[in-house]
């Protein structure tokens, strides 16, 4: 099984988190299944990796440099980007296979204390912590790299040239910052066209380059994307995001009808009916939360089945929560905390073979336009 050497791991941390005066505690976060029946080999391996990284980085803490390296574990939250529980557990062994064992083997610590005492956090977890850690980073002033679904197949993505990654990402971000709209033409099964317009007014984009030099920031690792929250209509004018968004789910193409930046219904087969019913029960799920452009595909990387890496390879569009990216849809808009979700749909041939991205065209003030993708490939670099 491929893994980072101790030297590579230390160099990665130093590259991702340039040292700041006052950096003293690095904490690793990972989640534990609430029930043993929900566990699986990749999750168990990830917990073991978290423990191994803690030990390796603790032994090399003077080279980072840090004073202490800790491992905190917590019961899983059940869905991506849901809020974290009130408490974590300081763990000195390989995390257990069931959360009930934490009280017997580890020391309970309020997450508020974890956040206030740690300057750097690394979170290889089953369920994404990106949303809650982005929000907490701003409040507590730590820096964090979130690694949901991380596995050994992602190791090559940690070895790419992140200087070049940053150049590509910033080239996309610069265009998104100035754009007022994005028009995407999809082709389903080589014959059925679907068009989407995303309203990008009143928004600036975010860049995720895989480095976190600024205090109070958090994001994914591996990384390599520029992304933007479409205008959600919080101002006087409604959002102009509208169209038909095709998504292939389990071999079936679901056609979402988008109005005012929200999926209001879905057409297709049985999956589409389930999605349409769910949109009625959970309207916040239908929010168009993110238009993202990953660049790691330029480095020859392939999808591995984990969103953490796969979304960084090309175009992706997310449903649901957006407040962690500067949008307005958050916990308050969902029926329960367990229903909170930020779900990326990734447009790669390996993942949605029936849905092709024909072109992505950005529009700017005074009628100027620029095509940035053609047939799924970037045209700007």
Protein backbone atom coordinates (compact mmCIF):
# COMPACT_ATOMS: atom_id res chain seq x y z
CA UNK A 1 0.00 0.00 0.00
CA UNK A 2 1.47 3.33 -1.07
CA UNK A 3 2.17 5.83 1.70
CA UNK A 4 4.11 8.99 2.38
CA UNK A 5 7.54 8.57 3.92
CA UNK A 6 8.28 10.45 7.14
CA UNK A 7 10.33 12.97 5.17
CA UNK A 8 7.56 13.45 2.60
CA UNK A 9 4.95 13.92 5.32
CA UNK A 10 7.01 16.55 7.13
CA UNK A 11 7.77 18.38 3.87
CA UNK A 12 4.07 18.28 2.94
CA UNK A 13 3.04 19.85 6.25
CA UNK A 14 5.70 22.54 5.93
CA UNK A 15 4.59 23.31 2.38
CA UNK A 16 0.87 23.33 3.12
CA UNK A 17 1.23 25.34 6.34
CA UNK A 18 4.07 27.88 6.11
CA UNK A 19 5.28 28.51 9.66
CA UNK A 20 3.86 31.38 11.70
CA UNK A 21 5.23 32.69 15.00
CA UNK A 22 3.08 31.16 17.69
CA UNK A 23 2.49 27.85 15.91
CA UNK A 24 2.86 25.26 18.64
CA UNK A 25 0.15 22.57 18.41
CA UNK A 26 -0.79 20.51 15.37
CA UNK A 27 -3.91 18.39 15.80
CA UNK A 28 -5.14 15.55 13.62
CA UNK A 29 -8.89 14.93 13.55
CA UNK A 30 -10.62 11.76 12.49
CA UNK A 31 -14.10 10.32 12.97
CA UNK A 32 -15.14 6.97 14.45
CA UNK A 33 -18.25 5.01 13.41
CA UNK A 34 -21.18 5.48 15.76
CA UNK A 35 -22.00 1.82 15.13
CA UNK A 36 -19.54 -0.90 14.18
CA UNK A 37 -21.88 -2.04 11.41
CA UNK A 38 -21.28 1.18 9.45
CA UNK A 39 -17.51 0.67 9.40
CA UNK A 40 -15.62 -0.49 6.31
CA UNK A 41 -11.97 -1.31 5.50
CA UNK A 42 -11.11 2.06 3.92
CA UNK A 43 -12.48 3.93 6.94
CA UNK A 44 -10.58 1.71 9.37
CA UNK A 45 -7.40 2.19 7.33
CA UNK A 46 -7.92 5.98 7.43
CA UNK A 47 -8.14 5.94 11.22
CA UNK A 48 -4.94 3.93 11.36
CA UNK A 49 -3.33 6.45 9.00
CA UNK A 50 -4.38 9.30 11.30
CA UNK A 51 -2.75 7.54 14.25
CA UNK A 52 0.39 6.80 12.25
CA UNK A 53 0.66 10.40 11.06
CA UNK A 54 0.30 11.63 14.61
CA UNK A 55 3.21 9.47 15.73
CA UNK A 56 5.40 10.35 12.76
CA UNK A 57 4.79 14.07 13.07
CA UNK A 58 5.23 13.99 16.84
CA UNK A 59 8.65 12.38 16.43
CA UNK A 60 9.57 15.01 13.81
CA UNK A 61 7.82 17.94 15.52
CA UNK A 62 11.03 19.99 15.81
CA UNK A 63 11.44 19.84 12.03
CA UNK A 64 7.98 21.28 11.28
CA UNK A 65 8.45 23.06 13.78
CA UNK A 66 5.77 22.44 16.45
CA UNK A 67 5.81 21.81 20.18
CA UNK A 68 3.16 19.10 20.22
CA UNK A 69 1.15 16.89 17.85
CA UNK A 70 -2.18 15.45 19.01
CA UNK A 71 -4.84 13.09 17.72
CA UNK A 72 -8.50 13.91 18.36
CA UNK A 73 -11.33 11.58 17.39
CA UNK A 74 -15.09 12.01 17.51
CA UNK A 75 -18.29 10.12 16.66
CA UNK A 76 -19.16 10.44 12.98
CA UNK A 77 -21.76 13.07 12.04
CA UNK A 78 -23.47 10.92 9.41
CA UNK A 79 -23.20 13.22 6.40
CA UNK A 80 -20.74 15.45 4.61
CA UNK A 81 -20.33 18.99 5.97
CA UNK A 82 -22.76 18.59 8.86
CA UNK A 83 -21.83 20.41 12.06
CA UNK A 84 -19.37 18.70 14.38
CA UNK A 85 -20.45 17.38 17.80
CA UNK A 86 -19.77 19.41 20.93
CA UNK A 87 -16.87 17.23 22.07
CA UNK A 88 -13.90 15.35 20.71
CA UNK A 89 -11.65 12.80 22.44
CA UNK A 90 -7.90 13.05 22.87
CA UNK A 91 -6.62 9.68 21.73
CA UNK A 92 -3.22 8.09 22.26
CA UNK A 93 -3.91 4.78 20.51
CA UNK A 94 -5.34 3.59 17.20
CA UNK A 95 -8.93 4.90 17.28
CA UNK A 96 -11.54 2.27 18.16
CA UNK A 97 -14.03 0.78 15.72
CA UNK A 98 -17.07 2.13 17.55
CA UNK A 99 -17.71 5.52 19.13
CA UNK A 100 -19.10 4.03 22.36
CA UNK A 101 -15.57 2.92 23.25
CA UNK A 102 -14.22 6.47 23.22
CA UNK A 103 -15.38 7.24 26.76
CA UNK A 104 -13.36 4.31 28.06
CA UNK A 105 -10.16 4.84 26.08
CA UNK A 106 -9.82 8.59 25.52
CA UNK A 107 -10.13 11.95 27.24
CA UNK A 108 -13.20 14.02 26.35
CA UNK A 109 -12.34 17.57 25.26
CA UNK A 110 -14.79 20.26 24.06
CA UNK A 111 -14.23 21.07 20.40
CA UNK A 112 -14.03 24.72 21.45
CA UNK A 113 -10.85 23.86 23.38
CA UNK A 114 -9.43 21.86 20.47
CA UNK A 115 -9.96 24.83 18.18
CA UNK A 116 -8.61 27.44 20.58
CA UNK A 117 -5.48 25.45 21.46
CA UNK A 118 -4.54 24.21 17.97
CA UNK A 119 -2.94 26.38 15.31
CA UNK A 120 -2.96 23.68 12.61
CA UNK A 121 -5.51 20.91 12.01
CA UNK A 122 -5.41 18.05 9.52
CA UNK A 123 -8.65 16.10 9.14
CA UNK A 124 -8.56 12.73 7.31
CA UNK A 125 -12.19 11.74 7.92
CA UNK A 126 -15.01 9.63 6.55
CA UNK A 127 -17.43 12.56 6.37
CA UNK A 128 -16.23 15.93 5.14
CA UNK A 129 -15.51 18.57 7.77
CA UNK A 130 -14.82 21.34 5.26
CA UNK A 131 -17.89 23.44 6.07
CA UNK A 132 -17.65 23.43 9.88
CA UNK A 133 -13.86 23.86 9.87
CA UNK A 134 -14.01 26.78 7.43
CA UNK A 135 -16.43 28.55 9.74
CA UNK A 136 -14.53 27.65 12.91
CA UNK A 137 -11.18 28.68 11.39
CA UNK A 138 -12.45 32.21 10.89
CA UNK A 139 -13.63 32.37 14.50
CA UNK A 140 -10.69 30.72 16.26
CA UNK A 141 -7.86 31.66 13.90
CA UNK A 142 -6.44 28.22 13.12
CA UNK A 143 -5.53 26.77 9.72
CA UNK A 144 -6.92 23.43 8.55
CA UNK A 145 -6.59 20.92 5.73
CA UNK A 146 -9.66 18.72 5.31
CA UNK A 147 -9.16 15.26 3.76
CA UNK A 148 -12.54 13.46 3.60
CA UNK A 149 -12.30 9.98 2.17
CA UNK A 150 -8.52 10.14 2.00
CA UNK A 151 -6.82 6.91 0.95
CA UNK A 152 -3.50 5.65 -0.43
CA UNK A 153 -4.76 6.10 -4.00
CA UNK A 154 -4.56 9.87 -3.43
CA UNK A 155 -0.87 9.89 -2.54
CA UNK A 156 0.20 10.84 -6.11
CA UNK A 157 -1.96 13.96 -5.84
CA UNK A 158 0.13 15.08 -2.87
CA UNK A 159 3.29 14.92 -4.98
CA UNK A 160 2.27 17.18 -7.88
CA UNK A 161 3.85 20.58 -8.52
CA UNK A 162 1.62 22.81 -6.41
CA UNK A 163 3.36 25.92 -7.73
CA UNK A 164 1.95 25.10 -11.17
CA UNK A 165 -1.35 24.05 -9.61
CA UNK A 166 -1.59 27.53 -8.09
CA UNK A 167 -0.96 29.17 -11.46
CA UNK A 168 -3.78 27.24 -13.10
CA UNK A 169 -6.16 27.85 -10.20
CA UNK A 170 -5.48 31.58 -10.12
CA UNK A 171 -6.02 31.83 -13.89
CA UNK A 172 -9.54 30.44 -13.43
CA UNK A 173 -10.24 32.50 -10.31
CA UNK A 174 -9.25 35.73 -12.03
CA UNK A 175 -11.88 35.10 -14.70
CA UNK A 176 -14.60 34.02 -12.27
CA UNK A 177 -14.02 37.17 -10.19
CA UNK A 178 -14.89 39.36 -13.16
CA UNK A 179 -17.61 37.19 -14.68
CA UNK A 180 -21.29 37.97 -14.31
CA UNK A 181 -22.46 34.64 -15.65
CA UNK A 182 -21.49 31.18 -16.86
CA UNK A 183 -23.28 29.21 -19.57
CA UNK A 184 -22.72 25.48 -19.83
CA UNK A 185 -23.82 23.24 -22.68
CA UNK A 186 -24.13 19.55 -21.86
CA UNK A 187 -24.73 16.69 -24.28
CA UNK A 188 -26.42 13.54 -22.99
CA UNK A 189 -25.85 10.26 -24.85
CA UNK A 190 -24.32 12.23 -27.71
CA UNK A 191 -27.66 13.67 -28.82
CA UNK A 192 -29.70 15.42 -26.11
CA UNK A 193 -28.65 18.98 -25.28
CA UNK A 194 -29.12 20.56 -21.86
CA UNK A 195 -28.19 24.12 -20.98
CA UNK A 196 -27.51 25.85 -17.70
CA UNK A 197 -26.94 29.50 -16.89
CA UNK A 198 -25.26 30.36 -13.60
CA UNK A 199 -25.69 33.86 -12.20
CA UNK A 200 -22.27 34.99 -10.94
CA UNK A 201 -23.16 38.58 -10.13
CA UNK A 202 -22.28 39.98 -6.69
CA UNK A 203 -19.78 37.20 -6.08
CA UNK A 204 -16.03 36.63 -6.05
CA UNK A 205 -14.38 33.25 -6.43
CA UNK A 206 -12.27 31.20 -4.05
CA UNK A 207 -8.98 29.55 -4.87
CA UNK A 208 -7.93 26.27 -3.31
CA UNK A 209 -4.30 25.74 -4.18
CA UNK A 210 -3.36 23.21 -1.53
CA UNK A 211 -1.52 25.78 0.60
CA UNK A 212 -2.80 27.67 3.65
CA UNK A 213 -0.44 30.51 4.46
CA UNK A 214 -3.13 32.74 5.96
CA UNK A 215 -4.40 32.36 9.51
CA UNK A 216 -8.11 31.60 9.74
CA UNK A 217 -8.37 29.56 6.54
CA UNK A 218 -9.34 25.96 5.82
CA UNK A 219 -9.83 23.84 2.73
CA UNK A 220 -9.25 20.53 1.03
CA UNK A 221 -6.03 18.60 0.58
CA UNK A 222 -5.27 17.31 -2.04
CA UNK A 223 -6.41 20.47 -3.74
CA UNK A 224 -6.41 22.39 -6.97
CA UNK A 225 -9.61 24.22 -7.84
CA UNK A 226 -11.24 27.60 -8.22
CA UNK A 227 -14.88 27.78 -7.21
CA UNK A 228 -17.67 30.27 -6.76
CA UNK A 229 -21.10 30.34 -5.10
CA UNK A 230 -23.70 31.41 -7.67
CA UNK A 231 -25.77 34.43 -6.65
CA UNK A 232 -28.57 33.08 -4.45
CA UNK A 233 -30.99 36.01 -4.65
CA UNK A 234 -30.37 37.46 -1.22
CA UNK A 235 -30.37 40.97 -2.65
CA UNK A 236 -33.24 42.90 -4.20
CA UNK A 237 -33.09 41.01 -7.49
CA UNK A 238 -33.80 37.26 -7.76
CA UNK A 239 -31.07 34.94 -8.95
CA UNK A 240 -30.93 34.37 -12.70
CA UNK A 241 -29.43 30.88 -12.34
CA UNK A 242 -31.74 28.67 -14.40
CA UNK A 243 -31.89 25.83 -16.89
CA UNK A 244 -31.71 22.06 -16.96
CA UNK A 245 -28.88 20.32 -15.16
CA UNK A 246 -28.26 16.69 -16.17
CA UNK A 247 -26.62 14.41 -13.61
CA UNK A 248 -25.92 10.73 -14.15
CA UNK A 249 -26.67 8.80 -10.96
CA UNK A 250 -26.21 5.04 -10.98
CA UNK A 251 -26.45 4.88 -14.77
CA UNK A 252 -29.65 6.94 -14.91
CA UNK A 253 -29.59 10.53 -16.13
CA UNK A 254 -31.59 12.81 -13.88
CA UNK A 255 -32.66 16.15 -15.38
CA UNK A 256 -33.00 18.79 -12.65
CA UNK A 257 -35.12 21.81 -13.45
CA UNK A 258 -33.39 24.86 -12.01
CA UNK A 259 -35.19 28.11 -11.23
CA UNK A 260 -33.75 31.06 -9.30
CA UNK A 261 -30.68 29.03 -8.34
CA UNK A 262 -32.73 26.15 -6.92
CA UNK A 263 -33.54 22.70 -8.25
CA UNK A 264 -37.33 22.55 -8.00
CA UNK A 265 -37.97 19.18 -9.63
CA UNK A 266 -36.29 16.31 -11.42
CA UNK A 267 -37.27 14.26 -14.44
CA UNK A 268 -36.11 10.90 -15.73
CA UNK A 269 -36.60 7.45 -14.23
CA UNK A 270 -37.05 6.06 -10.71
CA UNK A 271 -34.03 7.93 -9.31
CA UNK A 272 -35.37 11.19 -10.69
CA UNK A 273 -38.68 10.60 -8.92
CA UNK A 274 -36.87 9.97 -5.65
CA UNK A 275 -34.85 13.14 -6.13
CA UNK A 276 -37.94 15.17 -6.98
CA UNK A 277 -39.72 13.91 -3.88
CA UNK A 278 -36.71 14.74 -1.72
CA UNK A 279 -36.48 18.27 -3.14
CA UNK A 280 -40.05 18.85 -1.96
CA UNK A 281 -39.20 17.61 1.54
CA UNK A 282 -35.80 19.33 1.73
CA UNK A 283 -35.75 22.45 -0.51
CA UNK A 284 -32.32 23.58 0.74
CA UNK A 285 -30.82 20.46 -0.86
CA UNK A 286 -31.73 21.95 -4.24
CA UNK A 287 -29.63 25.09 -3.77
CA UNK A 288 -26.94 25.50 -6.42
CA UNK A 289 -24.16 25.91 -3.88
CA UNK A 290 -21.00 25.84 -5.97
CA UNK A 291 -19.68 26.05 -9.49
CA UNK A 292 -16.19 24.58 -9.34
CA UNK A 293 -13.29 24.06 -11.71
CA UNK A 294 -10.65 21.51 -10.72
CA UNK A 295 -7.28 21.54 -12.48
CA UNK A 296 -5.51 18.36 -11.32
CA UNK A 297 -6.66 16.55 -14.45
CA UNK A 298 -3.96 18.57 -16.22
CA UNK A 299 -1.39 16.51 -14.30
CA UNK A 300 -2.63 13.17 -15.60
CA UNK A 301 -4.43 12.15 -12.43
CA UNK A 302 -7.54 9.96 -12.66
CA UNK A 303 -10.62 9.74 -10.41
CA UNK A 304 -10.43 7.32 -7.51
CA UNK A 305 -14.03 7.33 -6.33
CA UNK A 306 -13.56 9.89 -3.55
CA UNK A 307 -14.93 13.41 -3.93
CA UNK A 308 -11.91 14.87 -2.14
CA UNK A 309 -9.73 14.15 -5.16
CA UNK A 310 -12.23 13.65 -7.96
CA UNK A 311 -13.76 17.13 -7.77
CA UNK A 312 -10.26 18.61 -8.21
CA UNK A 313 -9.94 16.99 -11.65
CA UNK A 314 -12.49 19.06 -13.58
CA UNK A 315 -15.89 20.72 -13.63
CA UNK A 316 -18.17 20.09 -10.66
CA UNK A 317 -21.46 21.53 -9.44
CA UNK A 318 -22.64 21.22 -5.85
CA UNK A 319 -26.09 21.06 -4.27
CA UNK A 320 -26.98 22.23 -0.78
CA UNK A 321 -25.01 24.11 1.85
CA UNK A 322 -23.09 27.22 0.78
CA UNK A 323 -22.52 29.36 3.88
CA UNK A 324 -19.02 27.95 4.36
CA UNK A 325 -18.16 29.41 0.95
CA UNK A 326 -19.75 32.79 1.62
CA UNK A 327 -23.27 31.89 0.48
CA UNK A 328 -26.47 32.11 2.50
CA UNK A 329 -27.70 28.50 2.77
CA UNK A 330 -26.70 26.81 6.01
CA UNK A 331 -27.84 24.74 8.95
CA UNK A 332 -30.92 26.90 9.57
CA UNK A 333 -32.30 26.10 6.12
CA UNK A 334 -32.39 22.31 6.52
CA UNK A 335 -35.01 20.35 8.41
CA UNK A 336 -32.50 18.73 10.79
CA UNK A 337 -28.73 18.87 11.37
CA UNK A 338 -28.49 15.37 9.89
CA UNK A 339 -30.01 16.63 6.64
CA UNK A 340 -27.32 19.27 6.09
CA UNK A 341 -25.32 18.43 2.99
CA UNK A 342 -23.00 19.87 0.38
CA UNK A 343 -22.99 17.35 -2.47
CA UNK A 344 -20.70 17.68 -5.49
CA UNK A 345 -21.66 16.28 -8.88
CA UNK A 346 -18.50 15.79 -10.91
CA UNK A 347 -18.44 15.94 -14.71
CA UNK A 348 -15.76 13.50 -15.82
CA UNK A 349 -16.18 10.75 -18.45
CA UNK A 350 -15.16 8.13 -15.90
CA UNK A 351 -17.87 9.29 -13.50
CA UNK A 352 -20.68 10.42 -15.78
CA UNK A 353 -20.04 8.68 -19.10
CA UNK A 354 -23.46 9.60 -20.47
CA UNK A 355 -23.08 13.34 -19.80
CA UNK A 356 -20.48 15.35 -21.72
CA UNK A 357 -19.45 18.95 -21.11
CA UNK A 358 -19.48 20.52 -24.57
CA UNK A 359 -18.50 24.02 -23.54
CA UNK A 360 -18.31 26.48 -20.66
CA UNK A 361 -18.57 30.15 -21.60
CA UNK A 362 -18.14 33.00 -19.14
CA UNK A 363 -19.88 36.31 -19.72
CA UNK A 364 -18.60 39.67 -18.53
CA UNK A 365 -19.74 43.27 -18.37
CA UNK A 366 -20.45 45.02 -21.69
CA UNK A 367 -21.28 41.77 -23.43
CA UNK A 368 -17.79 40.24 -23.56
CA UNK A 369 -17.59 36.44 -23.42
CA UNK A 370 -14.81 33.87 -23.14
CA UNK A 371 -14.89 30.12 -23.61
CA UNK A 372 -12.84 28.48 -20.86
CA UNK A 373 -13.69 24.82 -21.55
CA UNK A 374 -14.35 22.91 -24.75
CA UNK A 375 -15.21 19.21 -24.84
CA UNK A 376 -14.30 18.88 -21.18
CA UNK A 377 -10.85 20.43 -21.53
CA UNK A 378 -9.60 23.87 -20.58
CA UNK A 379 -8.93 26.30 -23.40
CA UNK A 380 -7.18 28.95 -21.28
CA UNK A 381 -4.02 26.99 -20.37
